[in-house]
Amino acid sequence: MTTTATAEAPASVASAPGRNRRVLLKLSGEVFGGGRVGVDPDVVRGVAKQIAAAVREGIEVAIVVGGGNFFRGAELQQKGMERARADYIGMLGTVMNCLALQDFLEKEGVDTRVQTAITMGQVAEPYIPRRAIRHLEKGRVVIFGAGAGMPYFSTDTVSAQRALECKCDAVLMSKNGVDGVYDSDPRTNPDARKLDQVTFEEALRTGLKVVDAAAFSLCMDNALPMVVFGMEGDGNVTRALRGEPIGTLVHAG
């Protein structure tokens, strides 16, 4: 599998003129579990510290968290569960991760709000885009839980949608076990080549599967830059939030 991507280092993604940089960070649920089922407090604390460092610099941060450390709808379906119900169970898992991250962010002194696509008023606000934008403008971190509130939508796709609706400058897709987009699967092909830049059209045409095709399409249609980077490495989350060159920049071309 090949692409025509350039070999140049990824360019930083600039914020819109006249306001602070605003980004949507996607965190995988597997990271929160430290490779196990449940939440590893030490891991979440470390992620919160990296996010807090960027927020203190004035960067506006929205977050979507996966739930793979608890449940994955597609995997539950393979075990015989009805897909829609399995997806709703997975959505509830994402909310548990949201609350854990909120707790550790607030321990870092960062004001944080959780908004969910499924109403659960005792623990979170409902997802209201204009309210989320206002929180971001006030320097609060906003964490979006419960996916899209509908089955069959991945949290990758939700990340692109939330980033667009909240007028973010970029969507940052953190990955566990991979540090960017490759021209083939690096886990099975030792000669796989990491791409510093690639267009959405090239990624879709060549079937690069590091992010869902629906998320690629949403970003491509709306010219929203995406950065795919690895969670492993000291300070990688902070670097990505700042807009430093890291991982692979996926752009409209």
Protein backbone atom coordinates (compact mmCIF):
# COMPACT_ATOMS: atom_id res chain seq x y z
CA MET A 1 0.00 0.00 0.00
CA THR A 2 1.52 3.33 -1.01
CA THR A 3 0.57 6.97 -0.95
CA THR A 4 1.88 10.16 -2.46
CA ALA A 5 2.27 11.86 0.91
CA THR A 6 5.15 14.29 1.28
CA ALA A 7 8.10 13.47 3.51
CA GLU A 8 8.16 16.87 5.18
CA ALA A 9 7.60 17.19 8.93
CA PRO A 10 4.01 17.85 9.97
CA ALA A 11 3.18 21.52 10.02
CA SER A 12 1.61 23.01 13.13
CA VAL A 13 -2.11 23.72 12.92
CA ALA A 14 -2.72 27.41 13.49
CA SER A 15 -5.67 28.76 15.45
CA ALA A 16 -8.23 31.07 13.92
CA PRO A 17 -7.15 34.75 13.95
CA GLY A 18 -8.29 36.73 16.96
CA ARG A 19 -8.78 33.91 19.46
CA ASN A 20 -6.90 31.25 21.39
CA ARG A 21 -6.06 27.91 19.87
CA ARG A 22 -9.00 25.53 20.37
CA VAL A 23 -8.62 21.80 19.81
CA LEU A 24 -10.54 18.57 20.27
CA LEU A 25 -8.48 15.77 21.84
CA LYS A 26 -9.62 12.17 21.38
CA LEU A 27 -8.36 9.80 24.10
CA SER A 28 -8.75 6.05 23.73
CA GLY A 29 -10.33 4.17 26.59
CA GLU A 30 -7.62 1.50 26.50
CA VAL A 31 -5.13 4.09 27.72
CA PHE A 32 -7.24 4.78 30.82
CA GLY A 33 -7.13 1.14 31.83
CA GLY A 34 -3.38 0.78 31.52
CA GLY A 35 -3.97 -2.40 29.52
CA ARG A 36 -6.56 -3.78 31.93
CA VAL A 37 -10.30 -3.54 32.50
CA GLY A 38 -11.24 -0.48 34.56
CA VAL A 39 -9.45 2.78 35.32
CA ASP A 40 -5.79 3.05 36.34
CA PRO A 41 -5.62 6.20 38.51
CA ASP A 42 -1.90 6.70 37.90
CA VAL A 43 -2.42 6.70 34.13
CA VAL A 44 -5.35 9.12 34.26
CA ARG A 45 -3.45 11.39 36.64
CA GLY A 46 -0.55 11.54 34.19
CA VAL A 47 -2.83 12.38 31.25
CA ALA A 48 -4.55 15.09 33.32
CA LYS A 49 -1.21 16.69 34.17
CA GLN A 50 -0.30 16.90 30.48
CA ILE A 51 -3.65 18.45 29.57
CA ALA A 52 -3.45 20.91 32.47
CA ALA A 53 -0.02 22.11 31.30
CA ALA A 54 -1.51 23.14 27.93
CA VAL A 55 -4.63 24.70 29.47
CA ARG A 56 -2.47 26.93 31.68
CA GLU A 57 -0.92 28.32 28.48
CA GLY A 58 -4.36 29.47 27.29
CA ILE A 59 -5.16 26.59 24.94
CA GLU A 60 -8.87 25.74 24.83
CA VAL A 61 -9.31 21.98 25.14
CA ALA A 62 -12.34 19.81 24.42
CA ILE A 63 -12.04 16.05 24.88
CA VAL A 64 -13.80 12.91 23.68
CA VAL A 65 -13.00 9.75 25.61
CA GLY A 66 -13.48 6.19 24.39
CA GLY A 67 -14.70 3.34 26.56
CA GLY A 68 -12.65 0.38 25.36
CA ASN A 69 -11.24 -0.25 28.85
CA PHE A 70 -14.77 -1.21 29.90
CA PHE A 71 -16.88 -2.27 26.91
CA ARG A 72 -16.81 -2.18 23.11
CA GLY A 73 -20.15 -2.49 21.36
CA ALA A 74 -18.76 -4.38 18.37
CA GLU A 75 -17.02 -6.91 20.63
CA LEU A 76 -20.14 -7.46 22.72
CA GLN A 77 -22.07 -8.02 19.49
CA GLN A 78 -19.61 -10.75 18.50
CA LYS A 79 -20.44 -12.47 21.80
CA GLY A 80 -24.12 -12.56 20.84
CA MET A 81 -25.49 -9.30 22.23
CA GLU A 82 -27.80 -7.15 20.11
CA ARG A 83 -25.63 -4.42 18.56
CA ALA A 84 -27.63 -1.34 19.53
CA ARG A 85 -27.86 -2.41 23.18
CA ALA A 86 -24.16 -3.28 23.20
CA ASP A 87 -23.32 0.19 21.89
CA TYR A 88 -25.36 1.84 24.64
CA ILE A 89 -23.41 -0.16 27.22
CA GLY A 90 -20.20 1.09 25.61
CA MET A 91 -21.47 4.68 25.83
CA LEU A 92 -21.96 4.33 29.57
CA GLY A 93 -18.35 3.14 29.84
CA THR A 94 -17.16 6.38 28.23
CA VAL A 95 -18.97 8.41 30.89
CA MET A 96 -17.10 6.58 33.66
CA ASN A 97 -13.84 7.58 31.98
CA CYS A 98 -15.06 11.18 31.62
CA LEU A 99 -15.77 11.44 35.34
CA ALA A 100 -12.38 9.97 36.22
CA LEU A 101 -10.58 12.45 33.97
CA GLN A 102 -12.65 15.34 35.33
CA ASP A 103 -11.65 14.41 38.87
CA PHE A 104 -7.93 14.42 38.12
CA LEU A 105 -8.11 17.60 36.02
CA GLU A 106 -9.81 19.43 38.87
CA LYS A 107 -7.13 18.15 41.24
CA GLU A 108 -4.71 19.97 38.89
CA GLY A 109 -6.75 23.16 39.37
CA VAL A 110 -8.40 23.02 35.94
CA ASP A 111 -12.11 23.85 35.89
CA THR A 112 -13.82 21.04 33.96
CA ARG A 113 -17.29 20.23 32.69
CA VAL A 114 -18.61 16.88 31.47
CA GLN A 115 -21.35 16.93 28.82
CA THR A 116 -23.10 13.73 27.77
CA ALA A 117 -25.20 12.80 24.75
CA ILE A 118 -27.37 10.63 27.02
CA THR A 119 -29.03 12.66 29.78
CA MET A 120 -27.71 11.88 33.27
CA GLY A 121 -28.26 15.10 35.17
CA GLN A 122 -26.78 14.05 38.50
CA VAL A 123 -23.27 13.63 37.09
CA ALA A 124 -23.06 15.70 33.88
CA GLU A 125 -24.56 18.44 31.76
CA PRO A 126 -26.45 17.55 28.58
CA TYR A 127 -24.52 18.10 25.37
CA ILE A 128 -25.33 21.67 24.30
CA PRO A 129 -22.84 23.00 21.72
CA ARG A 130 -23.20 26.70 22.54
CA ARG A 131 -22.77 26.01 26.24
CA ALA A 132 -19.69 23.92 25.46
CA ILE A 133 -18.21 26.77 23.42
CA ARG A 134 -18.86 29.21 26.26
CA HIS A 135 -17.10 26.91 28.72
CA LEU A 136 -14.11 26.74 26.37
CA GLU A 137 -14.01 30.52 26.04
CA LYS A 138 -13.87 30.75 29.84
CA GLY A 139 -10.85 28.44 29.96
CA ARG A 140 -12.72 25.36 31.12
CA VAL A 141 -12.00 21.91 29.74
CA VAL A 142 -15.10 20.23 28.31
CA ILE A 143 -15.23 16.42 28.20
CA PHE A 144 -17.85 14.84 25.94
CA GLY A 145 -19.23 11.46 27.00
CA ALA A 146 -21.73 8.85 25.81
CA GLY A 147 -20.55 9.08 22.21
CA ALA A 148 -23.18 10.42 19.85
CA GLY A 149 -25.98 9.09 22.05
CA MET A 150 -26.88 6.71 19.21
CA PRO A 151 -25.66 3.21 18.29
CA TYR A 152 -23.39 2.47 15.32
CA PHE A 153 -21.31 5.67 15.74
CA SER A 154 -17.70 5.34 16.84
CA THR A 155 -16.01 7.82 19.18
CA ASP A 156 -13.62 8.69 16.31
CA THR A 157 -16.61 9.94 14.31
CA VAL A 158 -18.03 11.73 17.35
CA SER A 159 -14.67 13.46 17.84
CA ALA A 160 -14.81 14.94 14.35
CA GLN A 161 -18.44 16.00 14.80
CA ARG A 162 -17.85 17.67 18.19
CA ALA A 163 -14.74 19.42 16.87
CA LEU A 164 -16.70 20.86 13.97
CA GLU A 165 -19.68 21.95 16.04
CA CYS A 166 -17.47 23.59 18.68
CA LYS A 167 -15.41 25.36 16.00
CA CYS A 168 -12.10 23.73 16.88
CA ASP A 169 -8.96 24.40 14.89
CA ALA A 170 -7.99 20.72 14.74
CA VAL A 171 -8.93 17.27 15.99
CA LEU A 172 -6.12 15.37 17.72
CA MET A 173 -6.45 11.59 17.62
CA SER A 174 -4.25 9.95 20.24
CA LYS A 175 -3.50 6.29 19.64
CA ASN A 176 -2.25 3.51 21.85
CA GLY A 177 0.64 1.50 20.42
CA VAL A 178 1.12 3.51 17.21
CA ASP A 179 2.75 6.93 16.76
CA GLY A 180 1.05 8.08 13.56
CA VAL A 181 -0.35 6.93 10.23
CA TYR A 182 1.59 4.25 8.33
CA ASP A 183 1.30 3.12 4.71
CA SER A 184 0.46 -0.38 6.01
CA ASP A 185 -0.07 -2.04 9.39
CA PRO A 186 3.24 -1.72 11.32
CA ARG A 187 2.19 -4.58 13.61
CA THR A 188 2.24 -7.04 10.70
CA ASN A 189 4.62 -5.36 8.25
CA PRO A 190 8.09 -4.53 9.61
CA ASP A 191 8.75 -2.41 6.51
CA ALA A 192 5.71 -0.17 7.07
CA ARG A 193 6.57 3.49 6.56
CA LYS A 194 5.31 6.25 8.83
CA LEU A 195 3.78 9.19 6.95
CA ASP A 196 4.49 12.71 8.19
CA GLN A 197 1.61 14.11 6.12
CA VAL A 198 -1.22 12.60 4.11
CA THR A 199 -4.42 13.98 2.63
CA PHE A 200 -7.83 12.70 3.67
CA GLU A 201 -8.49 11.64 0.09
CA GLU A 202 -5.29 9.56 0.00
CA ALA A 203 -6.09 7.98 3.37
CA LEU A 204 -9.56 6.98 2.22
CA ARG A 205 -8.44 5.80 -1.23
CA THR A 206 -5.66 3.58 0.12
CA GLY A 207 -7.73 2.23 3.02
CA LEU A 208 -5.61 3.51 5.90
CA LYS A 209 -7.59 2.34 8.92
CA VAL A 210 -5.94 4.10 11.88
CA VAL A 211 -9.10 6.26 12.12
CA ASP A 212 -12.66 5.45 11.00
CA ALA A 213 -13.45 6.35 7.40
CA ALA A 214 -16.49 8.34 8.59
CA ALA A 215 -14.24 10.55 10.75
CA PHE A 216 -11.85 11.07 7.82
CA SER A 217 -14.79 11.99 5.56
CA LEU A 218 -16.26 14.51 8.03
CA CYS A 219 -12.93 16.25 8.41
CA MET A 220 -12.21 16.18 4.67
CA ASP A 221 -15.61 17.65 3.75
CA ASN A 222 -15.11 20.50 6.22
CA ALA A 223 -11.34 21.06 5.81
CA LEU A 224 -10.70 20.29 9.48
CA PRO A 225 -7.07 19.23 10.05
CA MET A 226 -6.44 16.02 11.98
CA VAL A 227 -3.29 15.00 13.82
CA VAL A 228 -2.80 11.31 14.63
CA PHE A 229 -0.16 10.75 17.31
CA GLY A 230 0.95 8.19 19.89
CA MET A 231 0.13 8.49 23.58
CA GLU A 232 3.43 6.86 24.51
CA GLY A 233 6.25 9.28 25.19
CA ASP A 234 6.80 11.92 27.82
CA GLY A 235 4.69 15.00 27.16
CA ASN A 236 3.21 13.86 23.85
CA VAL A 237 -0.29 15.03 24.78
CA THR A 238 0.96 18.49 25.73
CA ARG A 239 2.98 18.73 22.53
CA ALA A 240 -0.02 17.83 20.41
CA LEU A 241 -2.26 20.32 22.23
CA ARG A 242 0.30 23.08 21.68
CA GLY A 243 0.41 22.35 17.95
CA GLU A 244 4.00 21.15 17.88
CA PRO A 245 4.96 18.81 15.01
CA ILE A 246 4.10 15.30 16.16
CA GLY A 247 2.65 12.16 14.62
CA THR A 248 0.96 12.50 11.23
CA LEU A 249 -0.90 15.53 9.93
CA VAL A 250 -3.94 14.57 7.85
CA HIS A 251 -5.23 17.49 5.82
CA ALA A 252 -7.58 18.39 2.98
CA GLY A 253 -4.75 19.00 0.53
